[in-house]
Amino acid sequence: MTTRRRLILLVIFLSMTACASQQAAPPTEASLPTATHTEDATATPQPTIAQRSTLPPTWTPVPQEVEATAEATNTPVPTPTLGQQSAAPAPALPDACDNFGPDLSQTPRTYRNGEDVTVYWNPVEGAAYYYIALTDQTAAVVHEDYVAETSYTFSADLFESGNLYGWQAHPVNSAGIQMCLAHGAELFPEF
């Protein structure tokens, strides 16, 4: 679980705990409104709705450890404002990914029954190997593999006549981390 998700869950838990501990006490007899008699026969009695006190809009739950540390060191507790995002920006893709994609000059757009299909893509500098996948028309993965080359041959037995298929590949570095977004193309049946 990511740190951000843990923090969100902690904030939700603490706010629920704070709300539960700050519930309004039941009204006492002295605090109940007293009924007054009026002579106006057309007046309709209006019910009085008991409301629980709400937190001010600027209240932000802060974990008790943070408050204790802040009090001990005499530092203010940071309070985010509404709508403020604390998420880090998405990491940029390496420049090597700029030219990554299918090599459509070599890759066919169709397949024939009973024939293997070879697909090609552009190399990425720093890639240790490539993940390759074949998907059917429902986007379910039919076949997947890892290769060091920039091409892959799907065997004919993976294709059912008349179905649409798609393939995609992405480079993986030596640490096993995907380097670029996956790219690929469709394979249409040849009639």
Protein backbone atom coordinates (compact mmCIF):
# COMPACT_ATOMS: atom_id res chain seq x y z
CA MET A 1 0.00 0.00 0.00
CA THR A 2 1.45 3.35 -0.94
CA THR A 3 2.29 6.01 1.61
CA ARG A 4 -0.37 8.30 0.19
CA ARG A 5 -3.08 5.66 0.55
CA ARG A 6 -1.97 4.93 4.11
CA LEU A 7 -2.12 8.64 4.92
CA ILE A 8 -5.61 8.94 3.41
CA LEU A 9 -6.83 5.93 5.40
CA LEU A 10 -5.28 7.38 8.57
CA VAL A 11 -6.99 10.72 7.99
CA ILE A 12 -10.35 9.02 7.40
CA PHE A 13 -9.93 6.89 10.52
CA LEU A 14 -8.95 9.86 12.67
CA SER A 15 -11.83 11.99 11.40
CA MET A 16 -14.28 9.18 12.13
CA THR A 17 -12.79 8.80 15.61
CA ALA A 18 -12.98 12.55 16.21
CA CYS A 19 -16.59 12.68 15.05
CA ALA A 20 -17.53 9.75 17.26
CA SER A 21 -15.92 11.31 20.32
CA GLN A 22 -17.50 14.73 19.71
CA GLN A 23 -21.10 13.60 19.36
CA ALA A 24 -23.52 15.94 21.06
CA ALA A 25 -24.75 14.87 24.46
CA PRO A 26 -28.45 14.04 24.66
CA PRO A 27 -30.55 17.10 25.43
CA THR A 28 -31.38 17.72 29.05
CA GLU A 29 -34.78 18.88 30.23
CA ALA A 30 -33.44 22.39 30.74
CA SER A 31 -32.14 22.61 27.17
CA LEU A 32 -35.37 21.47 25.50
CA PRO A 33 -37.47 24.26 24.04
CA THR A 34 -40.65 24.94 25.92
CA ALA A 35 -43.96 25.06 24.15
CA THR A 36 -45.81 28.33 24.23
CA HIS A 37 -49.54 28.71 23.82
CA THR A 38 -50.69 31.00 21.05
CA GLU A 39 -54.18 32.16 20.28
CA ASP A 40 -53.62 32.04 16.49
CA ALA A 41 -55.63 29.04 15.29
CA THR A 42 -54.06 29.15 11.78
CA ALA A 43 -50.49 28.70 12.97
CA THR A 44 -49.01 25.29 12.27
CA PRO A 45 -46.60 23.98 14.88
CA GLN A 46 -43.06 23.68 13.49
CA PRO A 47 -40.99 20.76 14.74
CA THR A 48 -37.68 21.56 16.32
CA ILE A 49 -34.89 19.46 14.87
CA ALA A 50 -32.01 18.64 17.16
CA GLN A 51 -28.75 19.13 15.30
CA ARG A 52 -25.34 17.87 16.15
CA SER A 53 -22.60 20.47 16.10
CA THR A 54 -20.39 20.36 13.02
CA LEU A 55 -16.71 20.95 12.64
CA PRO A 56 -15.58 24.26 11.18
CA PRO A 57 -14.67 24.12 7.46
CA THR A 58 -11.03 24.85 8.28
CA TRP A 59 -10.64 21.87 10.61
CA THR A 60 -8.16 19.28 9.36
CA PRO A 61 -7.53 16.01 11.20
CA VAL A 62 -3.92 15.64 12.30
CA PRO A 63 -2.46 12.44 13.76
CA GLN A 64 -1.84 12.73 17.51
CA GLU A 65 1.87 11.90 17.07
CA VAL A 66 2.26 14.91 14.76
CA GLU A 67 0.45 17.19 17.21
CA ALA A 68 2.56 15.93 20.14
CA THR A 69 5.78 16.41 18.17
CA ALA A 70 4.69 19.87 17.06
CA GLU A 71 3.84 20.88 20.64
CA ALA A 72 7.15 19.52 21.97
CA THR A 73 9.21 21.36 19.36
CA ASN A 74 6.93 24.43 19.31
CA THR A 75 6.40 24.22 15.54
CA PRO A 76 3.10 24.76 13.77
CA VAL A 77 1.27 21.78 12.31
CA PRO A 78 0.86 22.16 8.54
CA THR A 79 -2.77 22.16 7.49
CA PRO A 80 -3.58 21.66 3.82
CA THR A 81 -6.31 23.81 2.33
CA LEU A 82 -9.29 22.39 0.50
CA GLY A 83 -8.51 21.32 -3.06
CA GLN A 84 -4.77 21.23 -2.41
CA GLN A 85 -3.07 18.25 -4.02
CA SER A 86 0.01 16.80 -2.39
CA ALA A 87 0.63 14.12 -5.03
CA ALA A 88 3.98 14.22 -6.75
CA PRO A 89 3.91 14.75 -10.49
CA ALA A 90 4.16 11.65 -12.64
CA PRO A 91 7.74 10.82 -13.58
CA ALA A 92 8.73 11.75 -17.12
CA LEU A 93 9.45 8.99 -19.61
CA PRO A 94 13.05 8.64 -20.79
CA ASP A 95 13.95 10.35 -24.06
CA ALA A 96 14.65 6.87 -25.46
CA CYS A 97 10.87 6.31 -25.47
CA ASP A 98 10.27 9.07 -28.01
CA ASN A 99 10.77 6.72 -30.98
CA PHE A 100 9.40 3.57 -29.40
CA GLY A 101 6.45 2.00 -31.19
CA PRO A 102 5.50 -0.60 -33.78
CA ASP A 103 7.55 -0.73 -36.97
CA LEU A 104 4.61 -0.66 -39.34
CA SER A 105 6.87 -0.82 -42.40
CA GLN A 106 7.63 -4.47 -41.51
CA THR A 107 4.62 -5.49 -39.41
CA PRO A 108 1.59 -6.81 -41.28
CA ARG A 109 -1.86 -5.42 -40.48
CA THR A 110 -3.59 -8.72 -41.34
CA TYR A 111 -3.14 -12.42 -40.66
CA ARG A 112 -4.01 -15.52 -42.68
CA ASN A 113 -5.41 -18.73 -41.26
CA GLY A 114 -2.71 -21.31 -40.67
CA GLU A 115 0.23 -18.84 -40.98
CA ASP A 116 2.53 -17.45 -38.30
CA VAL A 117 2.59 -13.66 -37.84
CA THR A 118 5.79 -11.73 -37.08
CA VAL A 119 5.51 -8.25 -35.57
CA TYR A 120 8.28 -5.65 -35.23
CA TRP A 121 8.91 -2.59 -33.06
CA ASN A 122 11.59 0.08 -32.71
CA PRO A 123 14.42 -0.56 -30.24
CA VAL A 124 14.84 1.44 -27.02
CA GLU A 125 18.29 2.31 -25.71
CA GLY A 126 18.83 0.72 -22.29
CA ALA A 127 16.21 -2.01 -22.73
CA ALA A 128 17.35 -5.41 -21.45
CA TYR A 129 14.35 -7.17 -23.00
CA TYR A 130 10.79 -6.56 -24.21
CA TYR A 131 7.43 -7.76 -22.97
CA ILE A 132 5.12 -8.83 -25.82
CA ALA A 133 1.43 -9.76 -25.60
CA LEU A 134 -1.28 -10.87 -28.02
CA THR A 135 -4.86 -9.96 -27.07
CA ASP A 136 -8.16 -11.10 -28.54
CA GLN A 137 -11.12 -8.91 -29.46
CA THR A 138 -12.27 -8.79 -25.81
CA ALA A 139 -8.81 -7.47 -24.76
CA ALA A 140 -8.01 -10.73 -22.94
CA VAL A 141 -4.35 -11.74 -23.17
CA VAL A 142 -4.08 -14.82 -25.38
CA HIS A 143 -0.30 -15.12 -25.29
CA GLU A 144 2.57 -13.26 -23.61
CA ASP A 145 6.33 -13.60 -23.61
CA TYR A 146 9.64 -11.79 -23.01
CA VAL A 147 12.26 -11.44 -25.75
CA ALA A 148 15.57 -9.67 -26.25
CA GLU A 149 14.92 -8.95 -29.94
CA THR A 150 12.73 -6.24 -31.46
CA SER A 151 10.46 -8.71 -33.21
CA TYR A 152 8.27 -11.62 -32.25
CA THR A 153 6.56 -14.41 -34.16
CA PHE A 154 3.11 -15.49 -32.99
CA SER A 155 2.34 -19.08 -33.98
CA ALA A 156 -0.62 -19.73 -36.27
CA ASP A 157 -2.44 -21.82 -33.64
CA LEU A 158 -3.02 -18.65 -31.53
CA PHE A 159 -5.38 -17.19 -34.14
CA GLU A 160 -9.01 -18.20 -34.68
CA SER A 161 -10.37 -17.49 -38.12
CA GLY A 162 -12.30 -14.23 -38.45
CA ASN A 163 -11.35 -12.75 -35.07
CA LEU A 164 -9.69 -9.40 -34.49
CA TYR A 165 -6.43 -9.44 -32.50
CA GLY A 166 -4.10 -6.84 -31.07
CA TRP A 167 -0.51 -6.97 -29.95
CA GLN A 168 1.56 -4.71 -27.75
CA ALA A 169 5.12 -4.54 -26.53
CA HIS A 170 7.04 -2.47 -24.00
CA PRO A 171 10.75 -2.30 -23.08
CA VAL A 172 12.00 -3.46 -19.68
CA ASN A 173 15.32 -2.34 -18.18
CA SER A 174 17.86 -4.57 -16.39
CA ALA A 175 16.13 -3.91 -13.04
CA GLY A 176 12.90 -5.39 -14.44
CA ILE A 177 11.10 -2.03 -14.63
CA GLN A 178 8.93 -1.04 -17.58
CA MET A 179 10.66 1.87 -19.33
CA CYS A 180 8.03 3.16 -21.79
CA LEU A 181 4.31 2.95 -22.37
CA ALA A 182 3.20 -0.15 -24.27
CA HIS A 183 2.62 0.27 -28.01
CA GLY A 184 1.29 -2.09 -30.64
CA ALA A 185 -1.26 -2.48 -33.41
CA GLU A 186 -4.26 -4.51 -34.53
CA LEU A 187 -4.18 -7.67 -36.62
CA PHE A 188 -7.23 -8.05 -38.83
CA PRO A 189 -8.27 -11.35 -40.42
CA GLU A 190 -7.54 -11.60 -44.14
CA PHE A 191 -10.50 -12.86 -46.14
